[in-house]
Amino acid sequence: MMKKLHVLLIGLCLLAAQCEHLPTFPLEEPFTLHIGEQKMASEDNNMVLHFSQVKEDSRCPKGVNCVWEGEVVTELILGELGKDTLDLTFRPGREKASVGRSMGYHFRLIEVNPYPTKGVDTDTVDYNIVLEVKKE
């Protein structure tokens, strides 16, 4: 239900704004996207990204010894009017594996911030990601 609501809200926003007022991101260059933020590819106004949520963050916090480094799973809503969704998983030390493909594009999740710290709760609104998007 929440996913459908996100898609509907993005669609309405894009129709109202006609995509002209969205900030843009460059293709083939890293850029930052904050949770809840939308950006449009500067070279393709049909490629709109919305960082909708962090589904899971099990990364080993700073100050803790862990058996496994953990991972963080992010969700992007893609395309004009929210045509598709894409989950990207980031594993510290295995950044090259943090990739996905959709709608003729290649997505690489480079960074997820903030990194968890022992004894500090991360507020959902504090998350941001660094992405690189390339046309296939």
C-alpha atoms as a PDB file:
ATOM      1  CA  MET A   1       0.000   0.000   0.000  1.00  0.00           C
ATOM      2  CA  MET A   2       2.789   2.420   0.953  1.00  0.00           C
ATOM      3  CA  LYS A   3       4.625   1.663  -2.309  1.00  0.00           C
ATOM      4  CA  LYS A   4       1.516   2.489  -4.352  1.00  0.00           C
ATOM      5  CA  LEU A   5       1.081   5.719  -2.410  1.00  0.00           C
ATOM      6  CA  HIS A   6       4.714   6.713  -3.143  1.00  0.00           C
ATOM      7  CA  VAL A   7       4.227   6.025  -6.862  1.00  0.00           C
ATOM      8  CA  LEU A   8       0.964   7.981  -6.938  1.00  0.00           C
ATOM      9  CA  LEU A   9       2.470  10.965  -5.105  1.00  0.00           C
ATOM     10  CA  ILE A  10       5.465  11.046  -7.435  1.00  0.00           C
ATOM     11  CA  GLY A  11       3.189  10.878 -10.460  1.00  0.00           C
ATOM     12  CA  LEU A  12       1.033  13.729  -9.232  1.00  0.00           C
ATOM     13  CA  CYS A  13       4.073  15.828  -8.381  1.00  0.00           C
ATOM     14  CA  LEU A  14       5.583  15.267 -11.809  1.00  0.00           C
ATOM     15  CA  LEU A  15       2.338  16.115 -13.574  1.00  0.00           C
ATOM     16  CA  ALA A  16       1.932  19.303 -11.553  1.00  0.00           C
ATOM     17  CA  ALA A  17       5.524  20.411 -11.962  1.00  0.00           C
ATOM     18  CA  GLN A  18       5.864  19.074 -15.518  1.00  0.00           C
ATOM     19  CA  CYS A  19       9.368  17.966 -14.491  1.00  0.00           C
ATOM     20  CA  GLU A  20      10.683  21.471 -15.136  1.00  0.00           C
ATOM     21  CA  HIS A  21      11.259  22.311 -11.488  1.00  0.00           C
ATOM     22  CA  LEU A  22      13.054  19.141 -10.448  1.00  0.00           C
ATOM     23  CA  PRO A  23      16.747  19.360  -9.674  1.00  0.00           C
ATOM     24  CA  THR A  24      18.863  17.428 -12.162  1.00  0.00           C
ATOM     25  CA  PHE A  25      21.719  14.959 -11.927  1.00  0.00           C
ATOM     26  CA  PRO A  26      24.449  14.272 -14.502  1.00  0.00           C
ATOM     27  CA  LEU A  27      24.705  10.889 -16.178  1.00  0.00           C
ATOM     28  CA  GLU A  28      27.997   9.015 -15.674  1.00  0.00           C
ATOM     29  CA  GLU A  29      29.012  11.162 -12.663  1.00  0.00           C
ATOM     30  CA  PRO A  30      28.453  10.480  -8.946  1.00  0.00           C
ATOM     31  CA  PHE A  31      25.756  12.592  -7.276  1.00  0.00           C
ATOM     32  CA  THR A  32      23.995  12.690  -3.906  1.00  0.00           C
ATOM     33  CA  LEU A  33      20.317  11.959  -3.374  1.00  0.00           C
ATOM     34  CA  HIS A  34      18.688  12.506   0.038  1.00  0.00           C
ATOM     35  CA  ILE A  35      15.878  10.307   1.284  1.00  0.00           C
ATOM     36  CA  GLY A  36      12.562  11.618  -0.047  1.00  0.00           C
ATOM     37  CA  GLU A  37      14.329  13.649  -2.747  1.00  0.00           C
ATOM     38  CA  GLN A  38      13.659  13.465  -6.487  1.00  0.00           C
ATOM     39  CA  LYS A  39      16.037  14.343  -9.287  1.00  0.00           C
ATOM     40  CA  MET A  40      15.815  14.123 -13.057  1.00  0.00           C
ATOM     41  CA  ALA A  41      18.636  13.179 -15.436  1.00  0.00           C
ATOM     42  CA  SER A  42      19.900  16.345 -17.099  1.00  0.00           C
ATOM     43  CA  GLU A  43      20.112  14.488 -20.429  1.00  0.00           C
ATOM     44  CA  ASP A  44      16.783  12.574 -20.211  1.00  0.00           C
ATOM     45  CA  ASN A  45      13.664  14.022 -18.547  1.00  0.00           C
ATOM     46  CA  ASN A  46      12.037  10.554 -18.604  1.00  0.00           C
ATOM     47  CA  MET A  47      14.590   9.318 -16.037  1.00  0.00           C
ATOM     48  CA  VAL A  48      13.430  10.611 -12.681  1.00  0.00           C
ATOM     49  CA  LEU A  49      14.817   9.104  -9.470  1.00  0.00           C
ATOM     50  CA  HIS A  50      13.170   9.185  -6.064  1.00  0.00           C
ATOM     51  CA  PHE A  51      15.075   7.797  -3.058  1.00  0.00           C
ATOM     52  CA  SER A  52      12.031   6.427  -1.252  1.00  0.00           C
ATOM     53  CA  GLN A  53      13.389   4.435   1.663  1.00  0.00           C
ATOM     54  CA  VAL A  54      16.049   2.432   3.431  1.00  0.00           C
ATOM     55  CA  LYS A  55      14.519  -1.022   3.736  1.00  0.00           C
ATOM     56  CA  GLU A  56      17.233  -2.457   5.956  1.00  0.00           C
ATOM     57  CA  ASP A  57      20.461  -1.268   7.554  1.00  0.00           C
ATOM     58  CA  SER A  58      22.371  -4.091   9.221  1.00  0.00           C
ATOM     59  CA  ARG A  59      25.868  -2.633   8.758  1.00  0.00           C
ATOM     60  CA  CYS A  60      28.213  -3.281  11.665  1.00  0.00           C
ATOM     61  CA  PRO A  61      28.251  -0.032  13.686  1.00  0.00           C
ATOM     62  CA  LYS A  62      31.470   1.846  14.384  1.00  0.00           C
ATOM     63  CA  GLY A  63      32.792   0.758  17.777  1.00  0.00           C
ATOM     64  CA  VAL A  64      31.441  -2.814  17.541  1.00  0.00           C
ATOM     65  CA  ASN A  65      33.227  -6.030  16.533  1.00  0.00           C
ATOM     66  CA  CYS A  66      30.961  -8.024  14.224  1.00  0.00           C
ATOM     67  CA  VAL A  67      31.235 -11.406  12.523  1.00  0.00           C
ATOM     68  CA  TRP A  68      29.641  -9.980   9.355  1.00  0.00           C
ATOM     69  CA  GLU A  69      30.041  -6.466   7.931  1.00  0.00           C
ATOM     70  CA  GLY A  70      26.282  -6.258   7.249  1.00  0.00           C
ATOM     71  CA  GLU A  71      24.513  -4.430   4.442  1.00  0.00           C
ATOM     72  CA  VAL A  72      22.058  -1.661   3.706  1.00  0.00           C
ATOM     73  CA  VAL A  73      19.161  -2.048   1.243  1.00  0.00           C
ATOM     74  CA  THR A  74      17.781   1.091  -0.428  1.00  0.00           C
ATOM     75  CA  GLU A  75      14.743   1.545  -2.651  1.00  0.00           C
ATOM     76  CA  LEU A  76      14.566   3.875  -5.643  1.00  0.00           C
ATOM     77  CA  ILE A  77      11.429   4.704  -7.596  1.00  0.00           C
ATOM     78  CA  LEU A  78      12.394   5.204 -11.229  1.00  0.00           C
ATOM     79  CA  GLY A  79      11.127   6.915 -14.314  1.00  0.00           C
ATOM     80  CA  GLU A  80       8.585   9.536 -15.142  1.00  0.00           C
ATOM     81  CA  LEU A  81       5.406   8.803 -13.158  1.00  0.00           C
ATOM     82  CA  GLY A  82       7.215   6.137 -11.123  1.00  0.00           C
ATOM     83  CA  LYS A  83       7.272   3.378 -13.759  1.00  0.00           C
ATOM     84  CA  ASP A  84       9.529   1.012 -11.811  1.00  0.00           C
ATOM     85  CA  THR A  85      11.261   0.406  -8.496  1.00  0.00           C
ATOM     86  CA  LEU A  86      14.802  -0.767  -7.902  1.00  0.00           C
ATOM     87  CA  ASP A  87      16.368  -2.089  -4.714  1.00  0.00           C
ATOM     88  CA  LEU A  88      20.109  -1.546  -4.431  1.00  0.00           C
ATOM     89  CA  THR A  89      22.110  -3.334  -1.736  1.00  0.00           C
ATOM     90  CA  PHE A  90      25.325  -1.814  -0.416  1.00  0.00           C
ATOM     91  CA  ARG A  91      27.862  -4.022   1.363  1.00  0.00           C
ATOM     92  CA  PRO A  92      30.911  -2.296   2.887  1.00  0.00           C
ATOM     93  CA  GLY A  93      34.072  -3.544   1.213  1.00  0.00           C
ATOM     94  CA  ARG A  94      32.113  -4.892  -1.772  1.00  0.00           C
ATOM     95  CA  GLU A  95      31.040  -1.666  -3.436  1.00  0.00           C
ATOM     96  CA  LYS A  96      31.440  -3.031  -6.964  1.00  0.00           C
ATOM     97  CA  ALA A  97      28.588  -5.471  -6.232  1.00  0.00           C
ATOM     98  CA  SER A  98      26.187  -2.602  -5.437  1.00  0.00           C
ATOM     99  CA  VAL A  99      24.710  -2.337  -8.932  1.00  0.00           C
ATOM    100  CA  GLY A 100      21.380  -2.723 -10.683  1.00  0.00           C
ATOM    101  CA  ARG A 101      19.811  -2.304 -14.096  1.00  0.00           C
ATOM    102  CA  SER A 102      16.417  -0.961 -15.110  1.00  0.00           C
ATOM    103  CA  MET A 103      14.768   0.968 -17.934  1.00  0.00           C
ATOM    104  CA  GLY A 104      17.943   0.903 -20.060  1.00  0.00           C
ATOM    105  CA  TYR A 105      20.144   2.334 -17.302  1.00  0.00           C
ATOM    106  CA  HIS A 106      22.902   0.962 -15.094  1.00  0.00           C
ATOM    107  CA  PHE A 107      22.812   2.131 -11.447  1.00  0.00           C
ATOM    108  CA  ARG A 108      25.766   1.930  -9.057  1.00  0.00           C
ATOM    109  CA  LEU A 109      25.287   2.654  -5.361  1.00  0.00           C
ATOM    110  CA  ILE A 110      28.602   4.127  -4.211  1.00  0.00           C
ATOM    111  CA  GLU A 111      27.851   5.200  -0.649  1.00  0.00           C
ATOM    112  CA  VAL A 112      25.080   5.215   1.977  1.00  0.00           C
ATOM    113  CA  ASN A 113      25.294   7.785   4.763  1.00  0.00           C
ATOM    114  CA  PRO A 114      25.335   8.134   7.670  1.00  0.00           C
ATOM    115  CA  TYR A 115      27.286   5.059   8.701  1.00  0.00           C
ATOM    116  CA  PRO A 116      25.851   3.529  11.900  1.00  0.00           C
ATOM    117  CA  THR A 117      27.638   4.238  15.180  1.00  0.00           C
ATOM    118  CA  LYS A 118      27.315   2.263  18.395  1.00  0.00           C
ATOM    119  CA  GLY A 119      24.772   3.882  20.727  1.00  0.00           C
ATOM    120  CA  VAL A 120      23.527   6.392  18.127  1.00  0.00           C
ATOM    121  CA  ASP A 121      20.115   5.933  16.485  1.00  0.00           C
ATOM    122  CA  THR A 122      19.971   6.992  12.845  1.00  0.00           C
ATOM    123  CA  ASP A 123      16.885   9.018  12.003  1.00  0.00           C
ATOM    124  CA  THR A 124      15.365   7.998   8.666  1.00  0.00           C
ATOM    125  CA  VAL A 125      15.443  11.587   7.371  1.00  0.00           C
ATOM    126  CA  ASP A 126      19.242  11.696   7.774  1.00  0.00           C
ATOM    127  CA  TYR A 127      19.962   9.113   5.068  1.00  0.00           C
ATOM    128  CA  ASN A 128      21.506  10.044   1.749  1.00  0.00           C
ATOM    129  CA  ILE A 129      23.082   7.988  -1.003  1.00  0.00           C
ATOM    130  CA  VAL A 130      25.736   8.602  -3.616  1.00  0.00           C
ATOM    131  CA  LEU A 131      24.801   7.100  -6.989  1.00  0.00           C
ATOM    132  CA  GLU A 132      26.176   6.890 -10.480  1.00  0.00           C
ATOM    133  CA  VAL A 133      23.745   6.345 -13.373  1.00  0.00           C
ATOM    134  CA  LYS A 134      24.782   5.382 -16.898  1.00  0.00           C
ATOM    135  CA  LYS A 135      22.719   4.791 -20.012  1.00  0.00           C
ATOM    136  CA  GLU A 136      23.237   1.253 -21.338  1.00  0.00           C
END
